[in-house]
């Protein structure tokens, strides 16, 4: 995202757009299915969601509450859609959410997110496991 001094709304930078596109294209090339995309409503999250939607041919892109940087992860965890959904949010929230879903402890720090990275979790009966993690450097 651009610095607040450059643009207070903090849209994606050119590098952010390129990285998000590269990761989205790799997911598409891997035949990974995404049926719906949720984002925080902040400009850069919406832009990222739209990039993924375009490359993955997803028509359902929705802004939702509880994905902001400092939101309580237990609030979104109670209402996650588990059917091939992609969530676009912010740090440190996403790191804490993944830690909470996998270990039950939001402060477990089991993953270090990077901008434009995607993590895939699988679930079975409220138990989550990390399946894979894709960063822009890997594509």
C-alpha atoms as a PDB file:
ATOM      1  CA  UNK A   1       0.000   0.000   0.000  1.00  0.00           C
ATOM      2  CA  UNK A   2       1.063   3.541  -0.537  1.00  0.00           C
ATOM      3  CA  UNK A   3       2.205   5.509   2.508  1.00  0.00           C
ATOM      4  CA  UNK A   4      -0.424   7.675   4.243  1.00  0.00           C
ATOM      5  CA  UNK A   5       1.671  10.747   3.402  1.00  0.00           C
ATOM      6  CA  UNK A   6       1.346   9.937  -0.308  1.00  0.00           C
ATOM      7  CA  UNK A   7      -2.348   9.016  -0.193  1.00  0.00           C
ATOM      8  CA  UNK A   8      -4.409   8.902   3.046  1.00  0.00           C
ATOM      9  CA  UNK A   9      -6.669   6.158   1.639  1.00  0.00           C
ATOM     10  CA  UNK A  10      -3.590   3.920   1.146  1.00  0.00           C
ATOM     11  CA  UNK A  11      -4.407   2.232  -2.176  1.00  0.00           C
ATOM     12  CA  UNK A  12      -2.223  -0.573  -3.471  1.00  0.00           C
ATOM     13  CA  UNK A  13       1.107   0.486  -4.870  1.00  0.00           C
ATOM     14  CA  UNK A  14       2.197  -0.609  -8.345  1.00  0.00           C
ATOM     15  CA  UNK A  15       4.285  -3.352  -6.706  1.00  0.00           C
ATOM     16  CA  UNK A  16       1.282  -4.436  -4.631  1.00  0.00           C
ATOM     17  CA  UNK A  17      -0.874  -4.718  -7.743  1.00  0.00           C
ATOM     18  CA  UNK A  18       1.823  -6.738  -9.535  1.00  0.00           C
ATOM     19  CA  UNK A  19       2.376  -9.056  -6.548  1.00  0.00           C
ATOM     20  CA  UNK A  20      -1.330  -9.668  -6.022  1.00  0.00           C
ATOM     21  CA  UNK A  21      -1.789 -10.391  -9.729  1.00  0.00           C
ATOM     22  CA  UNK A  22       1.141 -12.826  -9.768  1.00  0.00           C
ATOM     23  CA  UNK A  23      -0.174 -14.755  -6.756  1.00  0.00           C
ATOM     24  CA  UNK A  24      -3.716 -14.804  -8.163  1.00  0.00           C
ATOM     25  CA  UNK A  25      -2.434 -16.109 -11.508  1.00  0.00           C
ATOM     26  CA  UNK A  26      -0.497 -18.883  -9.736  1.00  0.00           C
ATOM     27  CA  UNK A  27      -3.609 -19.914  -7.818  1.00  0.00           C
ATOM     28  CA  UNK A  28      -5.562 -19.961 -11.079  1.00  0.00           C
ATOM     29  CA  UNK A  29      -2.844 -22.030 -12.790  1.00  0.00           C
ATOM     30  CA  UNK A  30      -2.993 -24.507  -9.899  1.00  0.00           C
ATOM     31  CA  UNK A  31      -6.728 -25.096 -10.472  1.00  0.00           C
ATOM     32  CA  UNK A  32      -7.604 -23.931  -6.975  1.00  0.00           C
ATOM     33  CA  UNK A  33     -11.281 -23.086  -6.647  1.00  0.00           C
ATOM     34  CA  UNK A  34     -12.485 -19.922  -4.950  1.00  0.00           C
ATOM     35  CA  UNK A  35     -16.244 -19.417  -4.928  1.00  0.00           C
ATOM     36  CA  UNK A  36     -16.481 -16.164  -2.981  1.00  0.00           C
ATOM     37  CA  UNK A  37     -14.207 -13.390  -1.771  1.00  0.00           C
ATOM     38  CA  UNK A  38     -14.684 -11.308   1.364  1.00  0.00           C
ATOM     39  CA  UNK A  39     -12.692  -8.172   2.194  1.00  0.00           C
ATOM     40  CA  UNK A  40     -12.512  -5.561   4.940  1.00  0.00           C
ATOM     41  CA  UNK A  41     -13.895  -2.708   2.870  1.00  0.00           C
ATOM     42  CA  UNK A  42     -10.670  -0.707   3.098  1.00  0.00           C
ATOM     43  CA  UNK A  43      -9.521   0.475  -0.327  1.00  0.00           C
ATOM     44  CA  UNK A  44      -6.393  -1.699  -0.604  1.00  0.00           C
ATOM     45  CA  UNK A  45      -8.275  -4.806   0.543  1.00  0.00           C
ATOM     46  CA  UNK A  46     -11.030  -4.126  -1.978  1.00  0.00           C
ATOM     47  CA  UNK A  47      -8.459  -3.630  -4.733  1.00  0.00           C
ATOM     48  CA  UNK A  48      -6.738  -6.901  -3.817  1.00  0.00           C
ATOM     49  CA  UNK A  49     -10.074  -8.728  -3.722  1.00  0.00           C
ATOM     50  CA  UNK A  50     -10.949  -7.359  -7.160  1.00  0.00           C
ATOM     51  CA  UNK A  51      -7.599  -8.507  -8.594  1.00  0.00           C
ATOM     52  CA  UNK A  52      -8.161 -12.032  -7.289  1.00  0.00           C
ATOM     53  CA  UNK A  53     -11.774 -12.010  -8.472  1.00  0.00           C
ATOM     54  CA  UNK A  54     -10.704 -11.048 -11.983  1.00  0.00           C
ATOM     55  CA  UNK A  55      -8.023 -13.739 -12.267  1.00  0.00           C
ATOM     56  CA  UNK A  56     -10.108 -16.450 -10.585  1.00  0.00           C
ATOM     57  CA  UNK A  57     -13.428 -15.591 -12.274  1.00  0.00           C
ATOM     58  CA  UNK A  58     -15.171 -15.001  -8.954  1.00  0.00           C
ATOM     59  CA  UNK A  59     -18.357 -12.935  -9.112  1.00  0.00           C
ATOM     60  CA  UNK A  60     -19.133 -12.810  -5.385  1.00  0.00           C
ATOM     61  CA  UNK A  61     -16.939 -10.102  -3.798  1.00  0.00           C
ATOM     62  CA  UNK A  62     -18.303  -8.694  -0.543  1.00  0.00           C
ATOM     63  CA  UNK A  63     -17.125  -6.223   2.096  1.00  0.00           C
ATOM     64  CA  UNK A  64     -17.713  -7.527   5.616  1.00  0.00           C
ATOM     65  CA  UNK A  65     -17.077  -6.363   9.168  1.00  0.00           C
ATOM     66  CA  UNK A  66     -14.522  -7.843  11.538  1.00  0.00           C
ATOM     67  CA  UNK A  67     -11.556  -7.943   9.109  1.00  0.00           C
ATOM     68  CA  UNK A  68      -9.896  -4.674  10.158  1.00  0.00           C
ATOM     69  CA  UNK A  69      -6.294  -4.704  11.433  1.00  0.00           C
ATOM     70  CA  UNK A  70      -7.039  -4.750  15.165  1.00  0.00           C
ATOM     71  CA  UNK A  71     -10.407  -6.529  15.264  1.00  0.00           C
ATOM     72  CA  UNK A  72     -11.007  -9.403  17.677  1.00  0.00           C
ATOM     73  CA  UNK A  73     -10.364 -12.578  15.652  1.00  0.00           C
ATOM     74  CA  UNK A  74     -12.925 -14.579  17.605  1.00  0.00           C
ATOM     75  CA  UNK A  75     -15.693 -12.448  16.086  1.00  0.00           C
ATOM     76  CA  UNK A  76     -14.889 -13.390  12.473  1.00  0.00           C
ATOM     77  CA  UNK A  77     -13.913 -16.955  13.410  1.00  0.00           C
ATOM     78  CA  UNK A  78     -17.491 -17.633  14.524  1.00  0.00           C
ATOM     79  CA  UNK A  79     -18.878 -16.727  11.107  1.00  0.00           C
ATOM     80  CA  UNK A  80     -16.326 -17.985   8.584  1.00  0.00           C
ATOM     81  CA  UNK A  81     -17.614 -19.424   5.339  1.00  0.00           C
ATOM     82  CA  UNK A  82     -15.684 -22.641   4.842  1.00  0.00           C
ATOM     83  CA  UNK A  83     -16.693 -23.426   1.269  1.00  0.00           C
ATOM     84  CA  UNK A  84     -13.765 -22.215  -0.860  1.00  0.00           C
ATOM     85  CA  UNK A  85     -13.860 -18.651   0.455  1.00  0.00           C
ATOM     86  CA  UNK A  86     -10.991 -16.167   0.226  1.00  0.00           C
ATOM     87  CA  UNK A  87     -10.661 -13.502   2.935  1.00  0.00           C
ATOM     88  CA  UNK A  88      -8.675 -10.332   2.215  1.00  0.00           C
ATOM     89  CA  UNK A  89      -7.683  -8.389   5.292  1.00  0.00           C
ATOM     90  CA  UNK A  90      -4.811  -6.750   7.106  1.00  0.00           C
ATOM     91  CA  UNK A  91      -1.964  -7.333   9.509  1.00  0.00           C
ATOM     92  CA  UNK A  92      -1.773  -8.172  12.306  1.00  0.00           C
ATOM     93  CA  UNK A  93      -5.357  -9.464  12.121  1.00  0.00           C
ATOM     94  CA  UNK A  94      -4.773 -12.203   9.531  1.00  0.00           C
ATOM     95  CA  UNK A  95      -1.745 -13.623  11.383  1.00  0.00           C
ATOM     96  CA  UNK A  96      -3.754 -13.727  14.592  1.00  0.00           C
ATOM     97  CA  UNK A  97      -6.780 -15.248  12.841  1.00  0.00           C
ATOM     98  CA  UNK A  98      -4.750 -18.094  11.335  1.00  0.00           C
ATOM     99  CA  UNK A  99      -3.060 -18.733  14.688  1.00  0.00           C
ATOM    100  CA  UNK A 100      -6.432 -18.778  16.441  1.00  0.00           C
ATOM    101  CA  UNK A 101      -8.051 -21.112  13.912  1.00  0.00           C
ATOM    102  CA  UNK A 102      -5.183 -23.605  13.953  1.00  0.00           C
ATOM    103  CA  UNK A 103      -4.201 -23.531  17.645  1.00  0.00           C
ATOM    104  CA  UNK A 104      -7.043 -21.813  19.500  1.00  0.00           C
ATOM    105  CA  UNK A 105      -4.601 -19.070  20.557  1.00  0.00           C
ATOM    106  CA  UNK A 106      -4.500 -15.826  18.552  1.00  0.00           C
ATOM    107  CA  UNK A 107      -1.062 -15.022  19.976  1.00  0.00           C
ATOM    108  CA  UNK A 108       0.575 -18.321  18.982  1.00  0.00           C
ATOM    109  CA  UNK A 109       2.348 -16.646  16.030  1.00  0.00           C
ATOM    110  CA  UNK A 110       2.360 -19.742  13.836  1.00  0.00           C
ATOM    111  CA  UNK A 111       2.709 -17.798  10.587  1.00  0.00           C
ATOM    112  CA  UNK A 112       4.416 -14.604   9.435  1.00  0.00           C
ATOM    113  CA  UNK A 113       2.289 -13.059   6.697  1.00  0.00           C
ATOM    114  CA  UNK A 114       3.654 -11.015   3.833  1.00  0.00           C
ATOM    115  CA  UNK A 115       1.712  -8.560   1.718  1.00  0.00           C
ATOM    116  CA  UNK A 116      -0.065 -10.287  -1.196  1.00  0.00           C
ATOM    117  CA  UNK A 117       0.501 -13.728   0.335  1.00  0.00           C
ATOM    118  CA  UNK A 118      -2.216 -16.380   0.542  1.00  0.00           C
ATOM    119  CA  UNK A 119      -2.615 -19.122   3.113  1.00  0.00           C
ATOM    120  CA  UNK A 120      -4.926 -22.093   2.626  1.00  0.00           C
ATOM    121  CA  UNK A 121      -6.589 -23.670   5.639  1.00  0.00           C
ATOM    122  CA  UNK A 122      -8.661 -26.828   5.574  1.00  0.00           C
ATOM    123  CA  UNK A 123     -11.329 -27.510   8.131  1.00  0.00           C
ATOM    124  CA  UNK A 124     -13.123 -30.508   9.489  1.00  0.00           C
ATOM    125  CA  UNK A 125     -15.531 -30.232  12.410  1.00  0.00           C
ATOM    126  CA  UNK A 126     -14.156 -26.855  13.636  1.00  0.00           C
ATOM    127  CA  UNK A 127     -10.559 -28.075  13.401  1.00  0.00           C
ATOM    128  CA  UNK A 128      -8.306 -26.141  11.030  1.00  0.00           C
ATOM    129  CA  UNK A 129      -5.013 -27.232   9.480  1.00  0.00           C
ATOM    130  CA  UNK A 130      -2.551 -25.272   7.390  1.00  0.00           C
ATOM    131  CA  UNK A 131      -2.509 -26.785   3.888  1.00  0.00           C
ATOM    132  CA  UNK A 132      -0.209 -24.364   2.040  1.00  0.00           C
ATOM    133  CA  UNK A 133       1.203 -20.833   2.064  1.00  0.00           C
ATOM    134  CA  UNK A 134       2.032 -18.914  -1.121  1.00  0.00           C
ATOM    135  CA  UNK A 135       4.102 -15.727  -1.129  1.00  0.00           C
ATOM    136  CA  UNK A 136       4.890 -13.425  -4.063  1.00  0.00           C
ATOM    137  CA  UNK A 137       8.543 -14.564  -3.965  1.00  0.00           C
ATOM    138  CA  UNK A 138       7.452 -18.112  -4.827  1.00  0.00           C
ATOM    139  CA  UNK A 139       5.700 -17.159  -8.066  1.00  0.00           C
END
